[in-house]
C-alpha cells in the first residue's frame, strides 16, 4: 500500500484478535512514530507496550480509577472496565513527555506526541493491522497515570489497541473537504 492510500483510506478497527503485532511490525510502527513533526528534535514522547497479563493489570488500574471517582460502581461495571484492555492482544500507550526548552512550548511537544501516534496508526493500516486509538477518562486519571509510572509532567496521549482485524470494518468517513478550506488574504 502506498503512503497516499494509507493516509486517505485509513479506518479504525474496533474488533481485534490475536496474534499481536510481530516485532518487525512494531519496529515499523515505532520507526514511523519517530518521524513525526518535532520542533527542536526533542522527541517529547515515549511509549509503553502492554501485552499478555499486563493487560489485566491495566484493567485493575481502570477499575481503581473508576472507584476513586465513583465509589458506588457496581461489580458488573467494574468487570466491564477490567475487561477493556483485553479487547486487543497488544496496547501501546503514547506518553507526551515534554522537555524544558526555551523555544518549544509544552503544547507543541504534546502535539508532536499526537503526531507520532497518528504516524503509528497510519503505519499499522499500511501493514494491514487493526488499530484503534482510545482515550476516555482513563487517559486523564491520576490513578492510571501513576500506575503506569508517568512523571508529573507527562500526559497520556492515547491507548493504541493493536491486533488483527475481525468483523465488519467501520465505514470510511466522507473525505470531502471544500467546506473546511478557505482562502485568506486575497483582497480582490
N, C-alpha and C. Protein backbone atom coordinates (compact mmCIF):
# COMPACT_ATOMS: atom_id res chain seq x y z
N UNK A 1 0.85 -1.17 0.00
CA UNK A 1 0.00 0.00 0.00
C UNK A 1 0.89 1.23 0.00
N UNK A 2 0.57 2.20 -0.86
CA UNK A 2 1.39 3.39 -0.88
C UNK A 2 0.95 4.37 0.21
N UNK A 3 1.75 5.39 0.44
CA UNK A 3 1.51 6.32 1.55
C UNK A 3 0.19 7.06 1.38
N UNK A 4 -0.14 7.49 0.17
CA UNK A 4 -1.39 8.22 -0.02
C UNK A 4 -2.61 7.35 0.25
N UNK A 5 -2.55 6.09 -0.15
CA UNK A 5 -3.66 5.18 0.16
C UNK A 5 -3.82 5.02 1.67
N UNK A 6 -2.72 4.85 2.36
CA UNK A 6 -2.78 4.69 3.82
C UNK A 6 -3.37 5.94 4.47
N UNK A 7 -2.98 7.10 4.00
CA UNK A 7 -3.48 8.34 4.60
C UNK A 7 -4.94 8.61 4.26
N UNK A 8 -5.35 8.30 3.03
CA UNK A 8 -6.69 8.66 2.59
C UNK A 8 -7.76 7.61 2.87
N UNK A 9 -7.37 6.37 3.13
CA UNK A 9 -8.36 5.32 3.30
C UNK A 9 -8.32 4.63 4.66
N UNK A 10 -7.47 5.11 5.56
CA UNK A 10 -7.34 4.51 6.88
C UNK A 10 -8.67 4.54 7.63
N UNK A 11 -8.96 3.47 8.32
CA UNK A 11 -10.11 3.41 9.21
C UNK A 11 -9.68 2.79 10.53
N UNK A 12 -10.48 3.01 11.54
CA UNK A 12 -10.23 2.39 12.84
C UNK A 12 -10.85 0.99 12.86
N UNK A 13 -10.25 0.12 13.64
CA UNK A 13 -10.73 -1.27 13.76
C UNK A 13 -11.05 -1.55 15.22
N UNK A 14 -12.33 -1.46 15.59
CA UNK A 14 -12.67 -1.67 17.00
C UNK A 14 -12.63 -3.13 17.45
N UNK A 15 -12.69 -4.07 16.52
CA UNK A 15 -12.70 -5.50 16.89
C UNK A 15 -11.37 -6.13 16.49
N UNK A 16 -10.62 -6.55 17.50
CA UNK A 16 -9.26 -7.03 17.27
C UNK A 16 -9.06 -8.40 17.91
N UNK A 17 -8.27 -9.23 17.25
CA UNK A 17 -7.98 -10.57 17.77
C UNK A 17 -6.49 -10.86 17.65
N UNK A 18 -6.07 -11.96 18.29
CA UNK A 18 -4.70 -12.45 18.18
C UNK A 18 -4.42 -12.82 16.73
N UNK A 19 -3.18 -12.86 16.35
CA UNK A 19 -1.99 -12.62 17.17
C UNK A 19 -1.69 -11.13 17.29
N UNK A 20 -0.86 -10.83 18.27
CA UNK A 20 -0.39 -9.45 18.42
C UNK A 20 0.58 -9.13 17.29
N UNK A 21 0.84 -7.85 17.05
CA UNK A 21 1.81 -7.48 16.03
C UNK A 21 3.17 -8.12 16.30
N UNK A 22 3.86 -8.47 15.23
CA UNK A 22 5.19 -9.07 15.35
C UNK A 22 6.20 -8.00 15.75
N UNK A 23 7.38 -8.42 16.14
CA UNK A 23 8.43 -7.46 16.49
C UNK A 23 8.81 -6.63 15.27
N UNK A 24 8.78 -7.23 14.08
CA UNK A 24 9.08 -6.48 12.85
C UNK A 24 8.01 -5.42 12.60
N UNK A 25 6.74 -5.77 12.81
CA UNK A 25 5.67 -4.79 12.63
C UNK A 25 5.78 -3.66 13.65
N UNK A 26 6.08 -4.01 14.91
CA UNK A 26 6.26 -2.97 15.93
C UNK A 26 7.44 -2.07 15.58
N UNK A 27 8.49 -2.63 15.03
CA UNK A 27 9.63 -1.84 14.60
C UNK A 27 9.18 -0.80 13.57
N UNK A 28 8.35 -1.20 12.62
CA UNK A 28 7.84 -0.25 11.62
C UNK A 28 6.99 0.84 12.28
N UNK A 29 6.17 0.45 13.25
CA UNK A 29 5.33 1.44 13.92
C UNK A 29 6.17 2.48 14.65
N UNK A 30 7.17 2.01 15.40
CA UNK A 30 7.97 2.96 16.17
C UNK A 30 8.90 3.78 15.27
N UNK A 31 9.40 3.20 14.19
CA UNK A 31 10.19 3.99 13.23
C UNK A 31 9.33 5.08 12.60
N UNK A 32 8.06 4.76 12.36
CA UNK A 32 7.14 5.77 11.83
C UNK A 32 6.85 6.84 12.87
N UNK A 33 6.70 6.44 14.11
CA UNK A 33 6.41 7.40 15.18
C UNK A 33 7.50 8.45 15.30
N UNK A 34 8.75 8.03 15.27
CA UNK A 34 9.84 8.99 15.50
C UNK A 34 10.09 9.90 14.31
N UNK A 35 9.35 9.72 13.22
CA UNK A 35 9.44 10.62 12.08
C UNK A 35 8.40 11.73 12.14
N UNK A 36 7.66 11.81 13.22
CA UNK A 36 6.63 12.85 13.38
C UNK A 36 7.28 14.23 13.42
N UNK A 37 6.50 15.23 13.05
CA UNK A 37 6.96 16.61 13.17
C UNK A 37 7.39 16.85 14.61
N UNK A 38 8.57 17.42 14.77
CA UNK A 38 9.18 17.51 16.10
C UNK A 38 10.07 18.74 16.16
N UNK A 39 9.47 19.90 16.45
CA UNK A 39 10.21 21.16 16.54
C UNK A 39 11.30 21.03 17.60
N UNK A 40 12.53 21.23 17.19
CA UNK A 40 13.65 21.15 18.12
C UNK A 40 14.22 19.75 18.25
N UNK A 41 13.64 18.78 17.54
CA UNK A 41 14.09 17.38 17.60
C UNK A 41 14.23 16.90 19.04
N UNK A 42 13.20 17.16 19.82
CA UNK A 42 13.22 16.84 21.25
C UNK A 42 12.74 15.42 21.56
N UNK A 43 12.04 14.81 20.61
CA UNK A 43 11.41 13.51 20.86
C UNK A 43 10.64 13.54 22.18
N UNK A 44 9.63 14.41 22.26
CA UNK A 44 8.91 14.60 23.52
C UNK A 44 7.81 13.55 23.75
N UNK A 45 8.19 12.32 23.62
CA UNK A 45 7.24 11.23 23.78
C UNK A 45 7.97 9.99 24.24
N UNK A 46 7.21 9.04 24.72
CA UNK A 46 7.72 7.70 24.97
C UNK A 46 6.52 6.76 24.86
N UNK A 47 6.80 5.48 24.77
CA UNK A 47 5.75 4.51 24.51
C UNK A 47 5.84 3.35 25.49
N UNK A 48 4.70 2.91 25.97
CA UNK A 48 4.62 1.74 26.85
C UNK A 48 3.92 0.63 26.07
N UNK A 49 4.50 -0.54 26.03
CA UNK A 49 3.87 -1.70 25.40
C UNK A 49 3.21 -2.53 26.50
N UNK A 50 1.93 -2.80 26.32
CA UNK A 50 1.17 -3.60 27.30
C UNK A 50 0.63 -4.81 26.57
N UNK A 51 1.04 -5.99 27.04
CA UNK A 51 0.60 -7.24 26.40
C UNK A 51 0.44 -8.32 27.46
N UNK A 52 -0.14 -9.42 27.05
CA UNK A 52 -0.27 -10.56 27.96
C UNK A 52 -0.97 -10.20 29.25
N UNK A 53 -0.43 -10.68 30.36
CA UNK A 53 -1.02 -10.48 31.68
C UNK A 53 -1.01 -9.01 32.08
N UNK A 54 -0.13 -8.22 31.52
CA UNK A 54 -0.09 -6.79 31.85
C UNK A 54 -1.39 -6.10 31.47
N UNK A 55 -2.11 -6.63 30.49
CA UNK A 55 -3.41 -6.05 30.10
C UNK A 55 -4.41 -6.17 31.26
N UNK A 56 -4.36 -7.28 31.99
CA UNK A 56 -5.24 -7.43 33.15
C UNK A 56 -4.85 -6.45 34.26
N UNK A 57 -3.56 -6.21 34.42
CA UNK A 57 -3.10 -5.22 35.41
C UNK A 57 -3.59 -3.83 35.03
N UNK A 58 -3.60 -3.51 33.71
CA UNK A 58 -4.14 -2.24 33.26
C UNK A 58 -5.64 -2.18 33.58
N UNK A 59 -6.34 -3.28 33.37
CA UNK A 59 -7.75 -3.34 33.73
C UNK A 59 -7.97 -3.04 35.21
N UNK A 60 -7.10 -3.57 36.06
CA UNK A 60 -7.19 -3.29 37.50
C UNK A 60 -7.01 -1.80 37.78
N UNK A 61 -6.10 -1.16 37.05
CA UNK A 61 -5.91 0.29 37.20
C UNK A 61 -7.16 1.05 36.79
N UNK A 62 -7.79 0.62 35.70
CA UNK A 62 -9.02 1.28 35.23
C UNK A 62 -10.11 1.19 36.30
N UNK A 63 -10.23 0.03 36.92
CA UNK A 63 -11.22 -0.16 37.97
C UNK A 63 -10.89 0.71 39.18
N UNK A 64 -9.64 0.72 39.59
CA UNK A 64 -9.23 1.54 40.75
C UNK A 64 -9.52 3.02 40.51
N UNK A 65 -9.25 3.49 39.28
CA UNK A 65 -9.51 4.89 38.95
C UNK A 65 -11.00 5.18 38.97
N UNK A 66 -11.78 4.28 38.42
CA UNK A 66 -13.24 4.47 38.41
C UNK A 66 -13.80 4.47 39.83
N UNK A 67 -13.28 3.59 40.67
CA UNK A 67 -13.77 3.53 42.07
C UNK A 67 -13.40 4.80 42.83
N UNK A 68 -12.26 5.39 42.49
CA UNK A 68 -11.88 6.63 43.17
C UNK A 68 -12.87 7.75 42.81
N UNK A 69 -13.29 7.81 41.55
CA UNK A 69 -14.21 8.84 41.12
C UNK A 69 -15.66 8.52 41.47
N UNK A 70 -16.01 7.24 41.45
CA UNK A 70 -17.39 6.80 41.69
C UNK A 70 -17.38 5.57 42.61
N UNK A 71 -17.29 5.79 43.92
CA UNK A 71 -17.19 4.66 44.85
C UNK A 71 -18.36 3.66 44.76
N UNK A 72 -19.47 4.11 44.21
CA UNK A 72 -20.66 3.25 44.13
C UNK A 72 -20.67 2.34 42.91
N UNK A 73 -19.60 2.27 42.17
CA UNK A 73 -19.54 1.45 40.95
C UNK A 73 -19.94 0.00 41.27
N UNK A 74 -20.77 -0.56 40.41
CA UNK A 74 -21.26 -1.93 40.63
C UNK A 74 -20.20 -2.95 40.22
N UNK A 75 -20.39 -4.17 40.68
CA UNK A 75 -19.47 -5.25 40.31
C UNK A 75 -19.49 -5.49 38.80
N UNK A 76 -20.67 -5.38 38.19
CA UNK A 76 -20.78 -5.57 36.74
C UNK A 76 -20.02 -4.48 35.99
N UNK A 77 -20.13 -3.23 36.45
CA UNK A 77 -19.41 -2.13 35.82
C UNK A 77 -17.90 -2.32 35.98
N UNK A 78 -17.49 -2.76 37.16
CA UNK A 78 -16.07 -3.00 37.41
C UNK A 78 -15.54 -4.12 36.51
N UNK A 79 -16.31 -5.18 36.35
CA UNK A 79 -15.90 -6.28 35.48
C UNK A 79 -15.76 -5.82 34.03
N UNK A 80 -16.70 -4.98 33.60
CA UNK A 80 -16.66 -4.47 32.22
C UNK A 80 -15.40 -3.61 32.01
N UNK A 81 -15.10 -2.75 32.97
CA UNK A 81 -13.89 -1.92 32.88
C UNK A 81 -12.63 -2.78 32.89
N UNK A 82 -12.60 -3.77 33.75
CA UNK A 82 -11.41 -4.63 33.86
C UNK A 82 -11.14 -5.37 32.56
N UNK A 83 -12.19 -5.66 31.81
CA UNK A 83 -12.04 -6.42 30.56
C UNK A 83 -11.66 -5.54 29.37
N UNK A 84 -11.76 -4.23 29.47
CA UNK A 84 -11.49 -3.36 28.32
C UNK A 84 -10.11 -3.58 27.70
N UNK A 85 -9.04 -3.67 28.48
CA UNK A 85 -7.73 -3.87 27.87
C UNK A 85 -7.58 -5.23 27.18
N UNK A 86 -8.50 -6.15 27.43
CA UNK A 86 -8.42 -7.47 26.80
C UNK A 86 -9.04 -7.47 25.41
N UNK A 87 -9.52 -6.32 24.95
CA UNK A 87 -10.14 -6.23 23.63
C UNK A 87 -9.13 -6.26 22.50
N UNK A 88 -7.86 -6.23 22.84
CA UNK A 88 -6.80 -6.28 21.83
C UNK A 88 -5.64 -7.08 22.39
N UNK A 89 -4.89 -7.76 21.52
CA UNK A 89 -3.76 -8.53 22.01
C UNK A 89 -2.59 -7.68 22.52
N UNK A 90 -2.53 -6.41 22.06
CA UNK A 90 -1.41 -5.55 22.45
C UNK A 90 -1.90 -4.11 22.48
N UNK A 91 -1.42 -3.37 23.47
CA UNK A 91 -1.75 -1.95 23.59
C UNK A 91 -0.44 -1.17 23.67
N UNK A 92 -0.37 -0.10 22.90
CA UNK A 92 0.75 0.84 23.01
C UNK A 92 0.19 2.13 23.59
N UNK A 93 0.76 2.56 24.71
CA UNK A 93 0.36 3.82 25.32
C UNK A 93 1.37 4.88 24.88
N UNK A 94 0.85 5.93 24.24
CA UNK A 94 1.71 7.05 23.88
C UNK A 94 1.69 8.04 25.04
N UNK A 95 2.88 8.40 25.50
CA UNK A 95 3.03 9.33 26.61
C UNK A 95 3.74 10.57 26.10
N UNK A 96 3.09 11.74 26.24
CA UNK A 96 3.75 13.00 25.95
C UNK A 96 4.69 13.27 27.12
N UNK A 97 5.97 13.43 26.79
CA UNK A 97 7.00 13.60 27.81
C UNK A 97 7.78 14.88 27.50
N UNK A 98 7.20 16.03 27.86
CA UNK A 98 7.80 17.30 27.45
C UNK A 98 9.18 17.56 28.07
N UNK A 99 9.99 18.23 27.29
CA UNK A 99 11.34 18.61 27.71
C UNK A 99 11.38 20.13 27.90
N UNK A 100 12.16 20.58 28.85
CA UNK A 100 12.34 22.03 29.01
C UNK A 100 13.09 22.57 27.79
N UNK A 101 12.51 23.61 27.18
CA UNK A 101 13.15 24.19 26.01
C UNK A 101 12.72 25.66 25.89
N UNK A 102 13.68 26.56 25.61
CA UNK A 102 13.34 27.98 25.57
C UNK A 102 12.46 28.38 24.38
N UNK A 103 12.43 27.57 23.31
CA UNK A 103 11.67 27.96 22.11
C UNK A 103 10.52 27.03 21.77
N UNK A 104 10.44 25.87 22.40
CA UNK A 104 9.40 24.90 22.05
C UNK A 104 8.47 24.71 23.25
N UNK A 105 7.28 25.34 23.19
CA UNK A 105 6.37 25.22 24.33
C UNK A 105 5.85 23.79 24.50
N UNK A 106 5.40 23.50 25.72
CA UNK A 106 4.89 22.16 26.04
C UNK A 106 3.75 21.77 25.12
N UNK A 107 2.88 22.73 24.77
CA UNK A 107 1.75 22.43 23.89
C UNK A 107 2.22 21.86 22.56
N UNK A 108 3.24 22.47 21.96
CA UNK A 108 3.78 21.96 20.70
C UNK A 108 4.34 20.55 20.87
N UNK A 109 4.94 20.30 22.01
CA UNK A 109 5.51 18.98 22.26
C UNK A 109 4.41 17.93 22.40
N UNK A 110 3.29 18.30 23.01
CA UNK A 110 2.16 17.38 23.12
C UNK A 110 1.58 17.11 21.73
N UNK A 111 1.49 18.15 20.90
CA UNK A 111 1.02 17.95 19.52
C UNK A 111 1.96 17.01 18.77
N UNK A 112 3.24 17.12 19.02
CA UNK A 112 4.21 16.24 18.38
C UNK A 112 3.99 14.79 18.80
N UNK A 113 3.69 14.57 20.07
CA UNK A 113 3.41 13.22 20.56
C UNK A 113 2.14 12.68 19.89
N UNK A 114 1.15 13.54 19.68
CA UNK A 114 -0.06 13.12 18.97
C UNK A 114 0.25 12.79 17.52
N UNK A 115 1.13 13.58 16.90
CA UNK A 115 1.54 13.29 15.51
C UNK A 115 2.27 11.94 15.44
N UNK A 116 3.09 11.64 16.43
CA UNK A 116 3.78 10.35 16.46
C UNK A 116 2.75 9.21 16.55
N UNK A 117 1.70 9.44 17.34
CA UNK A 117 0.64 8.44 17.47
C UNK A 117 -0.08 8.25 16.14
N UNK A 118 -0.38 9.34 15.47
CA UNK A 118 -1.05 9.25 14.16
C UNK A 118 -0.16 8.53 13.15
N UNK A 119 1.14 8.79 13.20
CA UNK A 119 2.04 8.07 12.29
C UNK A 119 1.99 6.56 12.54
N UNK A 120 1.90 6.17 13.82
CA UNK A 120 1.80 4.74 14.12
C UNK A 120 0.50 4.15 13.58
N UNK A 121 -0.58 4.90 13.70
CA UNK A 121 -1.87 4.43 13.19
C UNK A 121 -1.80 4.23 11.68
N UNK A 122 -1.22 5.19 10.98
CA UNK A 122 -1.11 5.07 9.53
C UNK A 122 -0.21 3.91 9.14
N UNK A 123 0.87 3.72 9.87
CA UNK A 123 1.76 2.59 9.58
C UNK A 123 1.05 1.27 9.83
N UNK A 124 0.28 1.19 10.91
CA UNK A 124 -0.47 -0.04 11.21
C UNK A 124 -1.44 -0.35 10.07
N UNK A 125 -2.14 0.66 9.59
CA UNK A 125 -3.08 0.45 8.48
C UNK A 125 -2.34 -0.04 7.24
N UNK A 126 -1.18 0.57 6.95
CA UNK A 126 -0.39 0.16 5.78
C UNK A 126 0.09 -1.28 5.91
N UNK A 127 0.30 -1.74 7.15
CA UNK A 127 0.74 -3.12 7.41
C UNK A 127 -0.45 -4.08 7.53
N UNK A 128 -1.65 -3.59 7.31
CA UNK A 128 -2.89 -4.37 7.41
C UNK A 128 -3.15 -4.87 8.83
N UNK A 129 -2.68 -4.12 9.80
CA UNK A 129 -3.00 -4.39 11.20
C UNK A 129 -4.26 -3.63 11.56
N UNK A 130 -5.02 -4.16 12.50
CA UNK A 130 -6.13 -3.41 13.05
C UNK A 130 -5.63 -2.53 14.17
N UNK A 131 -6.16 -1.31 14.24
CA UNK A 131 -5.73 -0.39 15.29
C UNK A 131 -6.90 0.52 15.65
N UNK A 132 -6.98 0.83 16.94
CA UNK A 132 -7.99 1.75 17.46
C UNK A 132 -7.33 2.64 18.49
N UNK A 133 -7.43 3.97 18.29
CA UNK A 133 -6.88 4.95 19.23
C UNK A 133 -7.98 5.23 20.24
N UNK A 134 -7.71 4.92 21.49
CA UNK A 134 -8.68 5.15 22.55
C UNK A 134 -8.10 6.10 23.59
N UNK A 135 -8.97 6.91 24.16
CA UNK A 135 -8.57 7.75 25.30
C UNK A 135 -9.64 7.58 26.37
N UNK A 136 -10.54 8.53 26.48
CA UNK A 136 -11.55 8.47 27.53
C UNK A 136 -10.96 8.87 28.87
N UNK A 137 -11.78 8.80 29.90
CA UNK A 137 -11.35 9.27 31.21
C UNK A 137 -10.09 8.60 31.74
N UNK A 138 -9.82 7.31 31.43
CA UNK A 138 -8.58 6.72 31.96
C UNK A 138 -7.31 7.47 31.54
N UNK A 139 -7.34 8.13 30.40
CA UNK A 139 -6.16 8.85 29.94
C UNK A 139 -5.84 10.07 30.81
N UNK A 140 -6.82 10.49 31.61
CA UNK A 140 -6.66 11.71 32.40
C UNK A 140 -6.70 11.46 33.91
N UNK A 141 -6.86 10.20 34.30
CA UNK A 141 -7.00 9.89 35.72
C UNK A 141 -5.63 9.66 36.36
N UNK A 142 -5.40 10.33 37.49
CA UNK A 142 -4.10 10.25 38.15
C UNK A 142 -3.77 8.83 38.58
N UNK A 143 -4.76 8.03 38.98
CA UNK A 143 -4.50 6.65 39.39
C UNK A 143 -3.88 5.87 38.23
N UNK A 144 -4.41 6.07 37.03
CA UNK A 144 -3.89 5.38 35.85
C UNK A 144 -2.50 5.90 35.51
N UNK A 145 -2.34 7.21 35.51
CA UNK A 145 -1.03 7.78 35.16
C UNK A 145 0.06 7.34 36.14
N UNK A 146 -0.24 7.40 37.42
CA UNK A 146 0.74 6.95 38.42
C UNK A 146 1.00 5.45 38.28
N UNK A 147 -0.06 4.69 38.09
CA UNK A 147 0.08 3.24 37.96
C UNK A 147 0.93 2.82 36.77
N UNK A 148 0.91 3.64 35.72
CA UNK A 148 1.74 3.37 34.54
C UNK A 148 3.15 3.96 34.67
N UNK A 149 3.40 4.63 35.78
CA UNK A 149 4.75 5.15 36.03
C UNK A 149 5.05 6.48 35.36
N UNK A 150 4.02 7.27 35.05
CA UNK A 150 4.26 8.56 34.42
C UNK A 150 4.82 9.56 35.43
N UNK A 151 5.65 10.43 34.93
CA UNK A 151 6.16 11.54 35.73
C UNK A 151 5.06 12.60 35.83
N UNK A 152 5.20 13.50 36.78
CA UNK A 152 4.21 14.56 36.99
C UNK A 152 3.98 15.40 35.73
N UNK A 153 5.02 15.62 34.95
CA UNK A 153 4.92 16.47 33.76
C UNK A 153 4.38 15.73 32.53
N UNK A 154 4.19 14.43 32.62
CA UNK A 154 3.79 13.63 31.46
C UNK A 154 2.27 13.48 31.37
N UNK A 155 1.81 13.22 30.14
CA UNK A 155 0.39 13.02 29.87
C UNK A 155 0.22 11.82 28.95
N UNK A 156 -0.90 11.14 29.10
CA UNK A 156 -1.25 10.08 28.16
C UNK A 156 -1.92 10.71 26.95
N UNK A 157 -1.37 10.45 25.78
CA UNK A 157 -1.96 10.94 24.54
C UNK A 157 -3.00 9.95 24.03
N UNK A 158 -2.72 8.68 24.19
CA UNK A 158 -3.69 7.69 23.75
C UNK A 158 -3.25 6.28 24.03
N UNK A 159 -4.23 5.39 23.99
CA UNK A 159 -4.01 3.95 24.09
C UNK A 159 -4.27 3.39 22.69
N UNK A 160 -3.25 2.87 22.04
CA UNK A 160 -3.45 2.26 20.73
C UNK A 160 -3.68 0.77 20.92
N UNK A 161 -4.88 0.33 20.63
CA UNK A 161 -5.22 -1.09 20.70
C UNK A 161 -4.85 -1.69 19.34
N UNK A 162 -4.01 -2.72 19.35
CA UNK A 162 -3.49 -3.30 18.11
C UNK A 162 -3.72 -4.81 18.05
N UNK A 163 -3.99 -5.29 16.86
CA UNK A 163 -4.16 -6.72 16.64
C UNK A 163 -4.58 -6.97 15.20
N UNK A 164 -5.17 -8.11 14.97
CA UNK A 164 -5.69 -8.43 13.65
C UNK A 164 -7.17 -8.07 13.61
N UNK A 165 -7.60 -7.58 12.46
CA UNK A 165 -8.98 -7.15 12.30
C UNK A 165 -9.91 -8.35 12.27
N UNK A 166 -11.08 -8.15 12.85
CA UNK A 166 -12.14 -9.15 12.76
C UNK A 166 -13.47 -8.40 12.69
N UNK A 167 -14.45 -9.00 12.10
CA UNK A 167 -15.75 -8.36 11.99
C UNK A 167 -15.76 -7.29 10.92
N UNK A 168 -16.89 -6.64 10.76
CA UNK A 168 -17.01 -5.61 9.72
C UNK A 168 -16.15 -4.39 10.05
N UNK A 169 -15.61 -3.78 9.00
CA UNK A 169 -14.84 -2.55 9.19
C UNK A 169 -15.79 -1.39 9.43
N UNK A 170 -15.29 -0.38 10.14
CA UNK A 170 -16.08 0.84 10.31
C UNK A 170 -16.21 1.50 8.94
N UNK A 171 -17.34 2.14 8.68
CA UNK A 171 -17.47 2.83 7.39
C UNK A 171 -16.44 3.95 7.29
N UNK A 172 -15.95 4.15 6.10
CA UNK A 172 -14.98 5.23 5.88
C UNK A 172 -15.72 6.56 5.87
N UNK A 173 -15.22 7.52 6.64
CA UNK A 173 -15.87 8.83 6.65
C UNK A 173 -15.74 9.52 5.29
N UNK A 174 -16.66 10.43 5.07
CA UNK A 174 -16.63 11.24 3.86
C UNK A 174 -15.32 12.02 3.81
N UNK A 175 -14.70 12.07 2.66
CA UNK A 175 -13.42 12.79 2.54
C UNK A 175 -13.57 14.15 1.84
N UNK A 176 -14.81 14.61 1.66
CA UNK A 176 -14.95 15.93 1.06
C UNK A 176 -14.47 16.97 2.07
N UNK A 177 -13.88 18.01 1.58
CA UNK A 177 -13.27 18.99 2.48
C UNK A 177 -13.53 20.43 2.06
N UNK A 178 -14.29 20.67 0.99
CA UNK A 178 -14.44 22.03 0.45
C UNK A 178 -14.98 23.01 1.49
N UNK A 179 -15.84 22.55 2.41
CA UNK A 179 -16.37 23.46 3.42
C UNK A 179 -15.39 23.71 4.57
N UNK A 180 -14.23 23.08 4.51
CA UNK A 180 -13.22 23.23 5.56
C UNK A 180 -12.03 24.09 5.14
N UNK A 181 -12.00 24.45 3.85
CA UNK A 181 -10.86 25.17 3.30
C UNK A 181 -11.32 26.52 2.75
N UNK A 182 -10.60 27.56 3.08
CA UNK A 182 -10.90 28.88 2.53
C UNK A 182 -9.61 29.64 2.27
N UNK A 183 -9.67 30.54 1.34
CA UNK A 183 -8.53 31.41 1.03
C UNK A 183 -8.53 32.56 2.02
N UNK A 184 -7.37 32.99 2.42
CA UNK A 184 -7.24 34.14 3.31
C UNK A 184 -6.32 35.16 2.67
N UNK A 185 -6.63 36.41 2.82
CA UNK A 185 -5.74 37.48 2.38
C UNK A 185 -5.79 37.78 0.90
N UNK A 186 -6.74 37.28 0.20
CA UNK A 186 -6.88 37.55 -1.24
C UNK A 186 -7.94 38.64 -1.42
N UNK A 187 -7.54 39.88 -1.23
CA UNK A 187 -8.47 41.01 -1.32
C UNK A 187 -8.59 41.49 -2.75
N UNK A 188 -9.35 40.78 -3.56
CA UNK A 188 -9.67 41.10 -4.95
C UNK A 188 -8.84 42.06 -5.58
